[in-house]
Protein backbone atom coordinates (compact mmCIF):
# COMPACT_ATOMS: atom_id res chain seq x y z
CA MET A 1 0.00 0.00 0.00
CA ALA A 2 1.26 3.48 -0.83
CA ASP A 3 2.72 5.55 1.96
CA ARG A 4 0.17 7.96 3.50
CA ASP A 5 2.45 10.90 2.69
CA ASP A 6 2.44 9.91 -0.98
CA LEU A 7 -1.33 9.40 -0.96
CA PHE A 8 -1.87 12.90 0.37
CA GLU A 9 0.73 14.56 -1.88
CA ALA A 10 -1.03 13.16 -4.92
CA HIS A 11 -4.00 15.39 -4.05
CA ARG A 12 -2.23 18.44 -2.58
CA SER A 13 -2.44 20.57 -5.73
CA GLN A 14 -6.21 20.17 -6.01
CA LEU A 15 -6.74 20.78 -2.30
CA ARG A 16 -4.72 24.00 -2.52
CA ALA A 17 -6.71 25.09 -5.56
CA VAL A 18 -10.00 24.48 -3.72
CA ALA A 19 -8.82 26.40 -0.66
CA TYR A 20 -7.56 29.35 -2.74
CA ARG A 21 -10.94 29.74 -4.41
CA MET A 22 -12.72 29.49 -1.07
CA LEU A 23 -10.47 31.87 0.87
CA GLY A 24 -8.87 34.18 -1.70
CA SER A 25 -5.61 33.98 0.25
CA VAL A 26 -2.55 31.93 -0.68
CA SER A 27 -1.26 31.71 2.89
CA GLU A 28 -4.65 30.78 4.33
CA ALA A 29 -5.07 28.20 1.58
CA ASP A 30 -1.77 26.62 2.61
CA ASP A 31 -2.90 26.62 6.25
CA ALA A 32 -6.17 24.92 5.25
CA VAL A 33 -4.27 22.23 3.35
CA GLN A 34 -2.03 21.67 6.38
CA GLU A 35 -5.08 21.30 8.63
CA THR A 36 -6.52 18.82 6.12
CA TRP A 37 -3.31 16.81 6.33
CA LEU A 38 -3.55 16.71 10.13
CA ARG A 39 -7.14 15.45 9.93
CA PHE A 40 -6.10 12.87 7.37
CA GLU A 41 -3.32 11.69 9.69
CA ARG A 42 -5.78 11.21 12.58
CA THR A 43 -8.37 9.34 10.50
CA ASP A 44 -8.52 5.73 9.40
CA THR A 45 -9.32 6.02 5.70
CA ALA A 46 -8.97 2.34 4.83
CA ASP A 47 -12.66 2.13 3.89
CA VAL A 48 -12.69 5.38 1.89
CA ARG A 49 -13.33 4.48 -1.74
CA ASN A 50 -12.48 7.85 -3.29
CA LEU A 51 -9.74 9.50 -1.27
CA GLY A 52 -9.57 12.56 -3.52
CA ALA A 53 -13.26 13.33 -3.03
CA TRP A 54 -12.97 12.68 0.71
CA LEU A 55 -10.02 15.06 1.06
CA THR A 56 -11.75 17.69 -1.05
CA THR A 57 -14.77 17.70 1.25
CA VAL A 58 -12.46 17.86 4.28
CA VAL A 59 -10.58 20.90 2.98
CA GLY A 60 -13.96 22.41 2.08
CA ARG A 61 -15.11 21.97 5.68
CA VAL A 62 -11.89 23.54 6.99
CA CYS A 63 -12.36 26.54 4.68
CA LEU A 64 -16.02 26.85 5.64
CA ASN A 65 -15.04 27.02 9.31
CA LEU A 66 -12.42 29.68 8.54
CA LEU A 67 -14.95 31.80 6.65
CA ARG A 68 -17.50 31.50 9.43
CA SER A 69 -14.91 32.40 12.04
CA ARG A 70 -14.08 35.54 10.06
CA GLU A 71 -17.72 36.59 10.31
CA THR A 72 -17.93 35.74 14.01
CA ARG A 73 -14.82 37.75 14.92
CA ARG A 74 -15.74 40.97 13.21
CA GLU A 75 -17.77 43.58 15.04
CA GLU A 76 -18.43 45.72 11.97
CA PRO A 77 -19.10 44.69 8.36
CA LEU A 78 -15.87 43.50 6.80
CA GLU A 79 -14.67 45.70 3.98
CA ILE A 80 -14.03 43.84 0.75
CA ARG A 81 -10.39 43.02 0.18
CA MET A 82 -8.69 42.18 -3.09
CA PRO A 83 -7.88 38.46 -3.16
CA ASP A 84 -4.20 37.52 -3.30
CA PRO A 85 -3.02 37.77 -6.91
CA VAL A 86 -0.92 34.98 -8.37
CA ILE A 87 1.71 36.75 -10.46
CA SER A 88 3.98 35.15 -13.02
CA GLU A 89 6.14 36.36 -15.86
CA ALA A 90 4.40 37.15 -19.13
CA GLY A 91 5.87 33.99 -20.68
CA GLY A 92 3.83 31.73 -18.42
CA ALA A 93 3.28 30.41 -14.89
CA ASP A 94 5.41 27.77 -13.23
CA PRO A 95 3.86 24.30 -12.65
CA GLU A 96 2.87 25.08 -9.05
CA GLN A 97 1.09 28.27 -10.11
CA GLU A 98 -0.58 26.50 -13.02
CA ALA A 99 -1.96 23.90 -10.62
CA LEU A 100 -3.30 26.62 -8.33
CA LEU A 101 -4.99 28.36 -11.25
CA ALA A 102 -6.32 25.26 -13.03
CA ASP A 103 -9.43 26.12 -15.07
CA SER A 104 -8.47 29.80 -14.80
CA VAL A 105 -9.69 31.78 -11.84
CA GLY A 106 -9.15 35.49 -12.34
CA LEU A 107 -9.16 38.15 -9.67
CA ALA A 108 -12.49 39.44 -10.97
CA LEU A 109 -14.11 36.05 -10.32
CA LEU A 110 -12.51 35.77 -6.87
CA VAL A 111 -13.89 39.19 -5.94
CA VAL A 112 -17.38 37.97 -6.84
CA LEU A 113 -16.88 34.77 -4.85
CA GLN A 114 -16.08 36.90 -1.80
CA THR A 115 -19.57 38.38 -1.93
CA LEU A 116 -21.21 34.96 -1.51
CA GLU A 117 -22.25 33.61 1.85
CA PRO A 118 -19.85 30.89 3.10
CA ALA A 119 -22.32 28.06 2.44
CA GLU A 120 -23.06 29.37 -1.05
CA ARG A 121 -19.39 29.65 -1.81
CA LEU A 122 -18.69 26.10 -0.67
CA ALA A 123 -21.55 24.63 -2.69
CA PHE A 124 -20.56 26.56 -5.81
CA VAL A 125 -16.80 25.98 -5.59
CA LEU A 126 -17.01 22.26 -4.82
CA HIS A 127 -19.77 21.46 -7.32
CA ASP A 128 -19.29 23.88 -10.21
CA MET A 129 -15.50 24.11 -10.11
CA PHE A 130 -14.50 20.67 -8.87
CA ALA A 131 -17.49 18.48 -9.81
CA VAL A 132 -18.13 17.20 -6.28
CA PRO A 133 -21.66 15.69 -6.15
CA PHE A 134 -24.26 17.44 -4.01
CA ASP A 135 -24.73 14.23 -2.02
CA GLU A 136 -21.14 14.61 -0.77
CA ILE A 137 -21.31 18.37 -0.16
CA ALA A 138 -24.58 18.26 1.77
CA PRO A 139 -23.17 16.64 4.96
CA VAL A 140 -20.46 19.32 5.14
CA LEU A 141 -23.16 21.99 5.23
CA ASP A 142 -25.55 19.92 7.37
CA ARG A 143 -28.21 20.32 4.69
CA THR A 144 -30.09 18.08 2.31
CA PRO A 145 -28.73 17.55 -1.22
CA ALA A 146 -31.74 19.47 -2.56
CA ALA A 147 -31.01 22.46 -0.31
CA THR A 148 -27.33 22.29 -1.26
CA ARG A 149 -28.28 22.32 -4.93
CA GLN A 150 -30.35 25.46 -4.32
CA LEU A 151 -27.37 27.15 -2.65
CA ALA A 152 -25.17 26.39 -5.63
CA SER A 153 -27.86 27.57 -8.05
CA ARG A 154 -28.25 30.87 -6.20
CA ALA A 155 -24.48 31.37 -6.16
CA ARG A 156 -24.25 30.49 -9.85
CA ARG A 157 -26.78 33.17 -10.78
CA ARG A 158 -24.84 35.80 -8.85
CA VAL A 159 -21.53 34.74 -10.36
CA GLN A 160 -22.89 34.67 -13.90
CA GLY A 161 -24.47 38.07 -13.41
CA ALA A 162 -21.31 39.71 -12.10
CA ALA A 163 -18.29 37.87 -13.54
CA VAL A 164 -17.45 38.14 -17.23
CA ARG A 165 -15.63 35.32 -18.98
CA PRO A 166 -12.50 36.74 -20.64
CA ASP A 167 -11.66 36.26 -24.31
CA PRO A 168 -9.93 32.89 -24.81
CA ASP A 169 -7.08 34.32 -26.92
CA VAL A 170 -4.44 35.50 -24.45
CA ALA A 171 -2.42 37.15 -27.24
CA ARG A 172 -5.44 39.25 -28.18
CA GLN A 173 -5.97 40.14 -24.53
CA ARG A 174 -2.35 41.29 -24.38
CA GLU A 175 -2.87 43.54 -27.42
CA VAL A 176 -5.76 45.27 -25.68
CA VAL A 177 -3.71 45.73 -22.49
CA GLU A 178 -0.81 47.16 -24.50
CA ALA A 179 -3.21 49.58 -26.21
CA PHE A 180 -4.44 50.69 -22.78
CA LEU A 181 -0.87 51.28 -21.58
CA ALA A 182 0.13 53.09 -24.77
CA ALA A 183 -2.84 55.43 -24.48
CA SER A 184 -2.05 56.03 -20.81
CA ARG A 185 1.64 56.72 -21.42
CA GLY A 186 0.89 58.95 -24.38
CA GLY A 187 -1.76 60.95 -22.58
CA ASP A 188 -4.35 60.06 -25.22
CA PHE A 189 -7.63 60.23 -23.32
CA ASP A 190 -9.84 59.38 -26.31
CA ALA A 191 -7.77 56.26 -27.09
CA LEU A 192 -8.01 55.27 -23.44
CA VAL A 193 -11.80 55.53 -23.50
CA ALA A 194 -11.94 53.61 -26.78
CA VAL A 195 -10.26 50.53 -25.30
CA LEU A 196 -12.66 50.43 -22.33
CA HIS A 197 -16.10 48.81 -22.34
CA PRO A 198 -18.83 51.40 -21.64
CA ASP A 199 -19.71 49.58 -18.40
CA VAL A 200 -16.13 48.81 -17.32
CA VAL A 201 -15.60 48.41 -13.57
CA LEU A 202 -12.44 49.48 -11.73
CA ARG A 203 -11.79 47.95 -8.30
CA THR A 204 -8.86 49.13 -6.21
CA ASP A 205 -7.50 47.90 -2.86
CA SER A 206 -5.00 50.37 -1.41
CA GLY A 207 -4.16 48.44 1.75
CA PRO A 208 -5.22 48.11 5.41
CA VAL A 209 -6.63 51.61 5.89
CA ALA A 210 -10.17 52.93 6.12
CA GLY A 211 -11.72 53.42 2.71
CA ALA A 212 -8.97 51.44 0.99
CA TRP A 213 -11.49 49.66 -1.24
CA ASN A 214 -12.75 51.77 -4.12
CA GLU A 215 -15.05 50.78 -6.97
CA LEU A 216 -15.78 52.91 -10.04
CA ARG A 217 -17.88 52.20 -13.12
CA GLY A 218 -18.14 53.58 -16.63
CA ALA A 219 -15.56 54.21 -19.37
CA LEU A 220 -15.26 57.97 -18.83
CA THR A 221 -14.94 57.67 -15.05
CA VAL A 222 -12.38 54.87 -15.23
CA ALA A 223 -10.39 56.64 -17.96
CA GLU A 224 -10.25 59.81 -15.84
CA GLN A 225 -8.93 57.79 -12.90
CA ALA A 226 -6.34 56.05 -15.07
CA PHE A 227 -5.34 59.40 -16.57
CA MET A 228 -4.59 60.78 -13.10
CA PHE A 229 -2.01 58.04 -12.52
CA ARG A 230 -0.51 57.91 -16.00
CA ARG A 231 2.87 59.06 -14.61
CA PHE A 232 3.28 55.56 -13.17
CA ALA A 233 2.68 53.87 -16.54
CA GLU A 234 6.37 54.17 -17.45
CA PHE A 235 7.20 51.92 -14.47
CA ALA A 236 4.77 49.18 -15.52
CA ARG A 237 5.90 45.89 -17.03
CA PRO A 238 3.78 43.05 -18.43
CA VAL A 239 3.03 40.02 -16.26
CA LEU A 240 0.35 37.39 -15.97
CA VAL A 241 -2.07 37.91 -13.09
CA ASN A 242 -4.01 34.74 -12.31
CA GLY A 243 -3.28 33.51 -15.80
CA VAL A 244 -4.43 36.59 -17.73
CA PRO A 245 -2.46 39.65 -18.94
CA GLY A 246 -1.74 42.31 -16.38
CA VAL A 247 0.93 44.78 -15.35
CA LEU A 248 3.20 45.08 -12.35
CA THR A 249 4.30 48.58 -11.42
CA VAL A 250 7.78 48.74 -9.89
CA ARG A 251 9.65 51.84 -8.77
CA ASP A 252 13.08 52.02 -7.14
CA GLY A 253 13.16 48.23 -6.92
CA ARG A 254 9.90 48.03 -4.98
CA PRO A 255 6.58 46.66 -6.25
CA LEU A 256 3.90 49.35 -5.96
CA SER A 257 0.86 47.77 -7.52
CA VAL A 258 -0.43 44.98 -9.71
CA MET A 259 -3.26 45.40 -12.18
CA ALA A 260 -5.32 42.54 -13.63
CA PHE A 261 -7.30 43.14 -16.83
CA THR A 262 -10.43 41.26 -17.83
CA VAL A 263 -10.76 41.58 -21.60
CA ALA A 264 -13.94 40.46 -23.36
CA GLY A 265 -15.08 41.30 -26.86
CA GLY A 266 -11.82 43.15 -27.44
CA LYS A 267 -12.56 45.66 -24.65
CA VAL A 268 -11.42 46.00 -21.04
CA VAL A 269 -14.48 45.10 -18.98
CA ALA A 270 -12.80 45.01 -15.56
CA LEU A 271 -9.65 46.33 -13.91
CA ASP A 272 -8.64 44.92 -10.54
CA ILE A 273 -5.77 46.69 -8.81
CA LEU A 274 -3.92 45.78 -5.63
CA ALA A 275 -2.02 48.96 -4.73
CA ASP A 276 -0.54 47.73 -1.46
CA GLY A 277 3.23 47.47 -1.77
CA ASP A 278 3.67 45.92 1.67
CA ARG A 279 1.21 43.15 0.90
CA LEU A 280 2.80 42.49 -2.47
CA ALA A 281 6.17 42.18 -0.73
CA ARG A 282 4.71 39.71 1.79
CA LEU A 283 3.34 37.67 -1.11
CA GLY A 284 6.87 37.41 -2.44
CA VAL A 285 6.28 39.53 -5.54
CA LYS A 286 9.70 40.28 -7.01
CA ALA A 287 10.52 43.58 -8.60
């Protein structure tokens, strides 16, 4: 029989991917996977027919508890926070990053997932993203399969209504991003507006201060905001952010911000910016 360490390692990548989608934090996802390992170590799984499914539901339960504890601890409504970006060079992600981002999960989608209730998020992530049957998710939520299906359906409607699927051609996405940067660097406001979808949304997280989360909508409004910060465009370099084209702004050897673009129909439909240099440094983002 295979060593228990080997059995668990065979599923680690998927468990980490589940936890990242649930929690939006790379470090918390790693903690959830570690807790799953400890539970696996304490449990006799000899009679478990599908170890991968069993481990997936365990990590889901761990994440659910973490999300609920977040809600219990806070005294005031928790301000939305940009999920941890996964940044790689424009040429492509390394194998570990690719495993984390399997089936492509952009920052825009993760932001929407954050707005779901914990139970909705679990039902949607496990079923829609990882094909776990409702019969196996229901016990984790202490609900019937039918009720669990309703949770996932409600979450699906919210996700589909708020998250746009990006164009499949990454090269074409990159062309649109480069056009945005060129217009910004050149001070061409009309060209900047032209590359934006009329209903584009800009979400910015400036760090752990009051009012750090800002959300703007509309091509003119977003273009005006981008125009104000065009002086930083010269410090931007292309990267992949969660598998799609983005830019990392670096000045004096320090990462200042990362911007993820969602491009659909040849237009920028969403811009998600983490402008927290300290957090980027903690995430190990290299200038």
